[in-house]
């Protein structure tokens, strides 16, 4: 072979390998890169959506099993399943004046309507059975709505081939799956009647109530009086062991009317931890440690502000999944640290013979008083 021909062939091969192919590859990625990324991400999201549907279906199976064992009338069974689509509309907030009273009214009507209808369907007013059924319905409804919402977003993403929308969904899908699994564990806790992580506040106060006379100071809310370090403590928690949250704001207001001067209000509740923090760690601070939409916290703050009552809070750190799952050992053992912090608050911030309100905030599932 002539030398010139050999050089020409090797030059063409060099150009093809190091110049033409990279240019073709870049051009291919430029034209189809986003489509390829879309296909891969959509495949993963679709698999996660199937997992979310499996979790939803499992919760519905548990609900159906519970209905079959507690409700005999087919009509009432259908009524109970129909409560999965029950909803509440938020009040108009264009004029914020009076919005708190509106929210409280809607929340109370919603809760009372759910409990009343479930009791009517069951044919008995056993609070534990009503609470267990309400827990099943609420959990199944939450998972059903979550699945439908994610499925809606996936459908929109496919219809409009929106990579931006898909990327957001792709980022949060692992968290949604974890939350869905945690809700399933909540259903297991409801079936077994055992405490969940969110019950650390009622557990701490409930242990202090043991052996003390109790009164129902507000709807689904119990109170007792004890003495610690020379201070009179009015202990407040939702009524257990049924799944209840109580009316803590009403209880605080009635306590103020019954006992006169109050030197401090201490709330004990679970707190959402950061990923770098350990579950079961405790912290103390100022303010009202009550979650939710803010109605109860606002009313307690309003009462304390009018009377000049200091507000203190003790929290136990845990993840969202731990809060709605069966209470773990680390969280349960945090009660000791809660008591130590409570003693410090009483000694440092109040005088002897003072009256202090101590509120255990959270779900009382599996926790008596």
Protein backbone atom coordinates (compact mmCIF):
# COMPACT_ATOMS: atom_id res chain seq x y z
CA UNK A 1 0.00 0.00 0.00
CA UNK A 2 1.39 3.44 -0.87
CA UNK A 3 2.46 5.56 2.08
CA UNK A 4 0.20 8.45 1.09
CA UNK A 5 -2.89 6.22 1.03
CA UNK A 6 -2.11 4.81 4.49
CA UNK A 7 -1.70 8.31 5.89
CA UNK A 8 -4.96 9.44 4.30
CA UNK A 9 -6.92 6.47 5.73
CA UNK A 10 -5.59 6.97 9.26
CA UNK A 11 -6.38 10.67 9.06
CA UNK A 12 -9.99 9.96 8.10
CA UNK A 13 -10.30 7.47 10.97
CA UNK A 14 -8.85 10.01 13.36
CA UNK A 15 -11.29 12.69 12.21
CA UNK A 16 -14.24 10.30 12.42
CA UNK A 17 -13.35 9.11 15.94
CA UNK A 18 -12.28 12.36 17.57
CA UNK A 19 -14.29 14.97 15.68
CA UNK A 20 -17.29 13.68 13.79
CA UNK A 21 -18.59 11.22 16.43
CA UNK A 22 -18.39 13.73 19.34
CA UNK A 23 -20.18 16.33 17.23
CA UNK A 24 -22.89 13.82 16.37
CA UNK A 25 -23.18 12.80 20.03
CA UNK A 26 -23.51 16.41 21.18
CA UNK A 27 -26.07 17.10 18.48
CA UNK A 28 -28.06 14.02 19.55
CA UNK A 29 -28.05 15.10 23.19
CA UNK A 30 -28.99 18.63 22.23
CA UNK A 31 -32.04 17.43 20.35
CA UNK A 32 -33.08 14.42 22.43
CA UNK A 33 -31.29 14.95 25.77
CA UNK A 34 -34.29 16.37 27.61
CA UNK A 35 -36.51 13.64 26.15
CA UNK A 36 -34.13 10.93 27.33
CA UNK A 37 -33.99 12.51 30.79
CA UNK A 38 -37.80 12.76 30.79
CA UNK A 39 -38.17 9.06 29.91
CA UNK A 40 -35.80 7.89 32.65
CA UNK A 41 -37.32 10.13 35.34
CA UNK A 42 -40.87 9.26 34.31
CA UNK A 43 -40.03 5.57 34.59
CA UNK A 44 -38.86 6.05 38.20
CA UNK A 45 -41.84 8.24 39.11
CA UNK A 46 -44.27 5.73 37.60
CA UNK A 47 -42.76 2.96 39.71
CA UNK A 48 -43.07 5.15 42.82
CA UNK A 49 -46.69 5.91 41.90
CA UNK A 50 -47.41 2.18 41.75
CA UNK A 51 -45.85 1.81 45.21
CA UNK A 52 -48.02 4.66 46.48
CA UNK A 53 -51.10 2.98 45.01
CA UNK A 54 -50.13 -0.26 46.74
CA UNK A 55 -49.90 1.62 50.06
CA UNK A 56 -53.28 3.27 49.42
CA UNK A 57 -54.89 -0.05 48.53
CA UNK A 58 -53.48 -1.65 51.65
CA UNK A 59 -55.03 1.05 53.82
CA UNK A 60 -58.38 0.53 52.06
CA UNK A 61 -58.11 -3.21 52.66
CA UNK A 62 -57.53 -2.57 56.36
CA UNK A 63 -60.52 -0.21 56.43
CA UNK A 64 -62.74 -2.75 54.68
CA UNK A 65 -61.66 -5.45 57.12
CA UNK A 66 -62.44 -3.15 60.05
CA UNK A 67 -65.85 -2.32 58.57
CA UNK A 68 -66.68 -5.99 58.03
CA UNK A 69 -65.92 -6.81 61.66
CA UNK A 70 -67.80 -3.86 63.19
CA UNK A 71 -70.69 -3.00 60.82
CA UNK A 72 -73.30 -5.51 59.72
CA UNK A 73 -75.65 -3.35 57.65
CA UNK A 74 -74.47 -3.00 54.00
CA UNK A 75 -76.02 0.49 53.82
CA UNK A 76 -74.00 1.65 56.81
CA UNK A 77 -70.87 0.10 55.34
CA UNK A 78 -71.39 2.19 52.22
CA UNK A 79 -71.93 5.29 54.37
CA UNK A 80 -68.64 4.69 56.15
CA UNK A 81 -66.76 4.25 52.87
CA UNK A 82 -68.42 7.42 51.59
CA UNK A 83 -66.72 9.37 54.37
CA UNK A 84 -63.42 8.97 52.50
CA UNK A 85 -64.49 11.90 50.31
CA UNK A 86 -65.67 14.08 53.19
CA UNK A 87 -64.05 17.52 53.27
CA UNK A 88 -64.19 20.90 55.00
CA UNK A 89 -63.97 24.26 53.23
CA UNK A 90 -61.75 26.91 54.79
CA UNK A 91 -63.56 30.13 55.75
CA UNK A 92 -63.14 33.34 53.78
CA UNK A 93 -60.07 35.24 55.02
CA UNK A 94 -60.28 38.39 52.90
CA UNK A 95 -61.11 40.20 56.12
CA UNK A 96 -58.88 38.59 58.78
CA UNK A 97 -60.93 39.97 61.67
CA UNK A 98 -62.66 37.05 63.37
CA UNK A 99 -60.95 34.38 61.25
CA UNK A 100 -59.85 32.39 64.32
CA UNK A 101 -63.40 32.00 65.63
CA UNK A 102 -64.52 30.94 62.14
CA UNK A 103 -61.76 28.34 61.91
CA UNK A 104 -62.55 27.00 65.38
CA UNK A 105 -66.23 26.71 64.51
CA UNK A 106 -65.54 24.80 61.28
CA UNK A 107 -63.01 22.48 62.95
CA UNK A 108 -65.39 21.68 65.80
CA UNK A 109 -68.34 21.10 63.46
CA UNK A 110 -66.15 18.84 61.29
CA UNK A 111 -64.87 16.78 64.23
CA UNK A 112 -68.28 16.48 65.90
CA UNK A 113 -69.95 15.53 62.62
CA UNK A 114 -67.38 12.80 61.95
CA UNK A 115 -67.66 11.31 65.43
CA UNK A 116 -71.45 11.57 65.51
CA UNK A 117 -71.91 9.93 62.12
CA UNK A 118 -69.45 7.14 62.91
CA UNK A 119 -71.21 6.47 66.23
CA UNK A 120 -74.54 6.36 64.37
CA UNK A 121 -73.14 3.92 61.79
CA UNK A 122 -71.65 1.69 64.48
CA UNK A 123 -74.85 1.82 66.53
CA UNK A 124 -72.98 2.55 69.76
CA UNK A 125 -71.05 5.43 71.31
CA UNK A 126 -68.04 3.51 72.59
CA UNK A 127 -65.32 6.24 72.43
CA UNK A 128 -62.52 3.73 71.87
CA UNK A 129 -64.29 2.02 68.96
CA UNK A 130 -65.38 5.37 67.50
CA UNK A 131 -61.81 6.66 67.78
CA UNK A 132 -60.43 3.51 66.16
CA UNK A 133 -62.89 3.75 63.28
CA UNK A 134 -62.18 7.46 62.86
CA UNK A 135 -58.46 6.67 62.75
CA UNK A 136 -59.01 4.11 59.98
CA UNK A 137 -61.18 6.48 57.96
CA UNK A 138 -58.85 9.47 58.39
CA UNK A 139 -55.73 7.49 57.45
CA UNK A 140 -57.36 5.85 54.41
CA UNK A 141 -58.77 9.21 53.28
CA UNK A 142 -55.35 10.87 53.61
CA UNK A 143 -53.62 8.15 51.56
CA UNK A 144 -56.41 8.12 49.00
CA UNK A 145 -56.13 11.88 48.49
CA UNK A 146 -52.33 11.72 48.36
CA UNK A 147 -52.43 9.06 45.66
CA UNK A 148 -55.03 10.93 43.61
CA UNK A 149 -53.06 14.18 43.86
CA UNK A 150 -49.78 12.58 42.76
CA UNK A 151 -51.56 10.68 39.99
CA UNK A 152 -53.08 13.98 38.83
CA UNK A 153 -49.65 15.62 38.64
CA UNK A 154 -48.18 12.62 36.80
CA UNK A 155 -51.03 12.75 34.27
CA UNK A 156 -50.44 16.46 33.67
CA UNK A 157 -46.72 15.82 33.29
CA UNK A 158 -47.33 13.16 30.65
CA UNK A 159 -49.89 15.23 28.80
CA UNK A 160 -47.70 18.31 28.46
CA UNK A 161 -44.28 16.57 28.61
CA UNK A 162 -43.28 19.04 31.33
CA UNK A 163 -39.75 18.23 32.50
CA UNK A 164 -39.83 21.05 35.10
CA UNK A 165 -42.95 19.60 36.74
CA UNK A 166 -41.53 16.09 36.58
CA UNK A 167 -38.26 17.13 38.24
CA UNK A 168 -40.13 18.56 41.24
CA UNK A 169 -42.22 15.42 41.61
CA UNK A 170 -39.14 13.23 41.15
CA UNK A 171 -37.40 15.05 44.01
CA UNK A 172 -40.19 14.59 46.57
CA UNK A 173 -41.47 11.11 45.67
CA UNK A 174 -39.17 9.30 48.16
CA UNK A 175 -40.52 11.53 50.95
CA UNK A 176 -44.11 10.86 49.91
CA UNK A 177 -43.50 7.11 49.95
CA UNK A 178 -42.00 7.35 53.46
CA UNK A 179 -44.96 9.36 54.68
CA UNK A 180 -47.38 6.88 53.14
CA UNK A 181 -45.67 3.97 54.91
CA UNK A 182 -45.78 5.94 58.18
CA UNK A 183 -49.55 6.37 57.81
CA UNK A 184 -49.85 2.59 57.40
CA UNK A 185 -47.98 2.20 60.69
CA UNK A 186 -50.42 4.63 62.26
CA UNK A 187 -53.24 2.31 61.20
CA UNK A 188 -51.42 -0.58 62.91
CA UNK A 189 -51.13 1.52 66.06
CA UNK A 190 -54.86 2.27 65.91
CA UNK A 191 -55.66 -1.44 65.58
CA UNK A 192 -53.41 -2.36 68.50
CA UNK A 193 -54.42 0.63 70.64
CA UNK A 194 -50.80 1.56 71.41
CA UNK A 195 -49.29 5.08 71.71
CA UNK A 196 -47.70 6.87 68.76
CA UNK A 197 -44.75 9.26 68.81
CA UNK A 198 -47.03 12.31 68.85
CA UNK A 199 -48.37 11.11 72.20
CA UNK A 200 -45.23 11.97 74.19
CA UNK A 201 -46.91 15.09 75.62
CA UNK A 202 -50.04 13.29 76.89
CA UNK A 203 -47.84 10.42 78.12
CA UNK A 204 -45.71 12.79 80.21
CA UNK A 205 -48.75 14.47 81.76
CA UNK A 206 -50.76 11.24 82.04
CA UNK A 207 -48.09 9.65 84.22
CA UNK A 208 -48.28 12.64 86.57
CA UNK A 209 -52.07 12.17 86.75
CA UNK A 210 -51.89 8.60 88.05
CA UNK A 211 -53.79 8.17 91.29
CA UNK A 212 -55.18 11.71 91.21
CA UNK A 213 -58.88 12.64 90.94
CA UNK A 214 -59.75 13.76 87.41
CA UNK A 215 -62.45 15.96 85.96
CA UNK A 216 -63.54 16.57 82.37
CA UNK A 217 -62.69 20.25 82.13
CA UNK A 218 -63.58 20.57 78.43
CA UNK A 219 -64.89 18.33 75.66
CA UNK A 220 -62.67 15.23 75.40
CA UNK A 221 -60.20 16.90 77.76
CA UNK A 222 -59.25 15.81 81.29
CA UNK A 223 -57.64 17.71 84.16
CA UNK A 224 -56.12 16.78 87.52
CA UNK A 225 -54.28 18.60 90.31
CA UNK A 226 -50.97 17.61 91.87
CA UNK A 227 -48.17 19.26 93.81
CA UNK A 228 -44.52 19.30 92.69
CA UNK A 229 -41.72 21.28 94.35
CA UNK A 230 -44.28 23.18 96.41
CA UNK A 231 -46.19 24.35 93.34
CA UNK A 232 -49.77 23.47 92.52
CA UNK A 233 -49.91 21.96 89.03
CA UNK A 234 -53.10 21.79 87.01
CA UNK A 235 -52.47 18.92 84.59
CA UNK A 236 -54.36 18.94 81.28
CA UNK A 237 -54.46 16.38 78.48
CA UNK A 238 -56.92 14.97 75.96
CA UNK A 239 -59.02 12.08 77.23
CA UNK A 240 -57.52 8.68 76.52
CA UNK A 241 -56.98 5.91 75.70
CA UNK A 242 -59.13 6.66 72.66
CA UNK A 243 -57.56 8.63 69.81
CA UNK A 244 -58.26 12.22 70.86
CA UNK A 245 -56.66 15.65 70.62
CA UNK A 246 -59.01 17.37 73.06
CA UNK A 247 -59.95 21.04 73.36
CA UNK A 248 -56.81 22.30 75.09
CA UNK A 249 -57.53 25.98 74.53
CA UNK A 250 -60.94 25.74 76.18
CA UNK A 251 -59.39 23.79 79.07
CA UNK A 252 -56.74 26.48 79.67
CA UNK A 253 -59.36 29.23 79.68
CA UNK A 254 -61.60 27.35 82.12
CA UNK A 255 -58.62 26.62 84.39
CA UNK A 256 -57.86 30.31 84.53
CA UNK A 257 -61.45 31.01 85.60
CA UNK A 258 -61.50 28.20 88.19
CA UNK A 259 -58.15 28.77 89.88
CA UNK A 260 -57.66 32.50 89.55
CA UNK A 261 -54.09 33.70 89.23
CA UNK A 262 -51.86 31.44 87.12
CA UNK A 263 -48.09 31.94 87.34
CA UNK A 264 -47.10 30.04 84.20
CA UNK A 265 -48.36 27.82 81.39
CA UNK A 266 -46.10 24.94 80.31
CA UNK A 267 -46.86 22.98 77.13
CA UNK A 268 -45.22 19.62 76.38
CA UNK A 269 -45.30 18.38 72.80
CA UNK A 270 -43.41 16.53 70.08
CA UNK A 271 -41.19 18.62 67.80
CA UNK A 272 -40.14 17.89 64.22
CA UNK A 273 -36.41 17.21 64.31
CA UNK A 274 -33.77 18.03 61.73
CA UNK A 275 -31.95 15.21 59.97
CA UNK A 276 -28.77 16.02 61.92
CA UNK A 277 -30.57 15.69 65.25
CA UNK A 278 -31.32 12.52 67.21
CA UNK A 279 -34.78 11.27 68.04
CA UNK A 280 -35.68 11.59 71.70
CA UNK A 281 -33.62 14.71 72.35
CA UNK A 282 -35.43 17.31 74.43
CA UNK A 283 -35.41 21.09 74.27
CA UNK A 284 -37.00 23.87 76.25
CA UNK A 285 -38.07 27.32 75.14
CA UNK A 286 -40.75 29.99 75.24
CA UNK A 287 -44.21 30.09 73.70
CA UNK A 288 -47.04 27.64 73.14
CA UNK A 289 -45.99 24.29 71.69
CA UNK A 290 -49.23 23.32 69.95
CA UNK A 291 -49.26 22.36 66.27
CA UNK A 292 -52.14 22.20 63.85
CA UNK A 293 -53.66 25.16 62.00
CA UNK A 294 -53.01 27.53 64.91
CA UNK A 295 -56.46 27.99 66.45
CA UNK A 296 -55.64 26.49 69.85
CA UNK A 297 -52.23 28.14 69.98
CA UNK A 298 -53.78 31.54 69.22
CA UNK A 299 -56.41 31.22 71.94
CA UNK A 300 -53.91 30.11 74.58
CA UNK A 301 -51.57 32.96 73.60
CA UNK A 302 -54.50 35.39 73.77
CA UNK A 303 -55.42 34.25 77.28
CA UNK A 304 -51.80 34.46 78.45
CA UNK A 305 -51.29 37.89 76.91
CA UNK A 306 -54.37 39.37 78.58
CA UNK A 307 -53.34 38.03 81.99
CA UNK A 308 -49.58 38.50 81.59
CA UNK A 309 -48.90 34.79 82.09
CA UNK A 310 -45.44 33.53 81.01
CA UNK A 311 -45.45 30.75 78.43
CA UNK A 312 -42.89 27.93 78.51
CA UNK A 313 -42.52 24.92 76.24
CA UNK A 314 -40.81 21.53 76.46
CA UNK A 315 -40.42 19.52 73.27
CA UNK A 316 -39.20 16.05 72.32
CA UNK A 317 -37.58 15.84 68.89
CA UNK A 318 -38.70 13.21 66.41
CA UNK A 319 -39.25 12.79 62.69
CA UNK A 320 -42.61 13.08 60.96
CA UNK A 321 -42.65 9.34 60.41
CA UNK A 322 -41.96 8.67 64.11
CA UNK A 323 -44.70 11.09 65.14
CA UNK A 324 -47.46 9.04 63.49
CA UNK A 325 -45.93 5.59 64.01
CA UNK A 326 -45.87 3.37 67.09
CA UNK A 327 -43.87 5.13 69.80
CA UNK A 328 -40.26 3.97 69.93
CA UNK A 329 -38.19 3.33 73.03
CA UNK A 330 -35.99 6.42 72.64
CA UNK A 331 -39.01 8.71 72.52
CA UNK A 332 -40.73 7.01 75.47
CA UNK A 333 -37.58 7.27 77.60
CA UNK A 334 -37.46 11.02 76.91
CA UNK A 335 -40.15 11.39 79.61
CA UNK A 336 -37.35 11.43 82.18
CA UNK A 337 -35.71 14.44 80.52
CA UNK A 338 -39.10 16.14 80.22
CA UNK A 339 -39.60 15.84 83.97
CA UNK A 340 -36.13 17.22 84.67
CA UNK A 341 -36.84 20.25 82.49
CA UNK A 342 -40.23 20.72 84.13
CA UNK A 343 -38.58 20.76 87.57
CA UNK A 344 -36.09 23.37 86.37
CA UNK A 345 -38.84 25.60 85.01
CA UNK A 346 -40.78 25.35 88.27
CA UNK A 347 -37.73 26.15 90.40
CA UNK A 348 -36.31 28.91 88.21
CA UNK A 349 -39.43 30.65 86.91
CA UNK A 350 -42.09 30.30 89.61
CA UNK A 351 -42.44 30.87 93.34
CA UNK A 352 -43.62 28.37 95.93
CA UNK A 353 -47.41 28.02 96.26
CA UNK A 354 -47.77 29.21 92.65
CA UNK A 355 -50.38 27.71 90.31
CA UNK A 356 -48.95 26.36 87.07
CA UNK A 357 -50.86 24.89 84.13
CA UNK A 358 -49.08 21.95 82.47
CA UNK A 359 -50.56 20.83 79.16
CA UNK A 360 -49.71 17.55 77.43
CA UNK A 361 -50.21 18.22 73.72
CA UNK A 362 -50.75 15.44 71.20
CA UNK A 363 -52.77 12.37 70.30
CA UNK A 364 -53.77 10.26 73.33
CA UNK A 365 -54.10 6.99 71.43
CA UNK A 366 -53.30 4.21 73.89
CA UNK A 367 -52.60 6.65 76.73
CA UNK A 368 -54.92 6.80 79.74
CA UNK A 369 -54.89 9.26 82.60
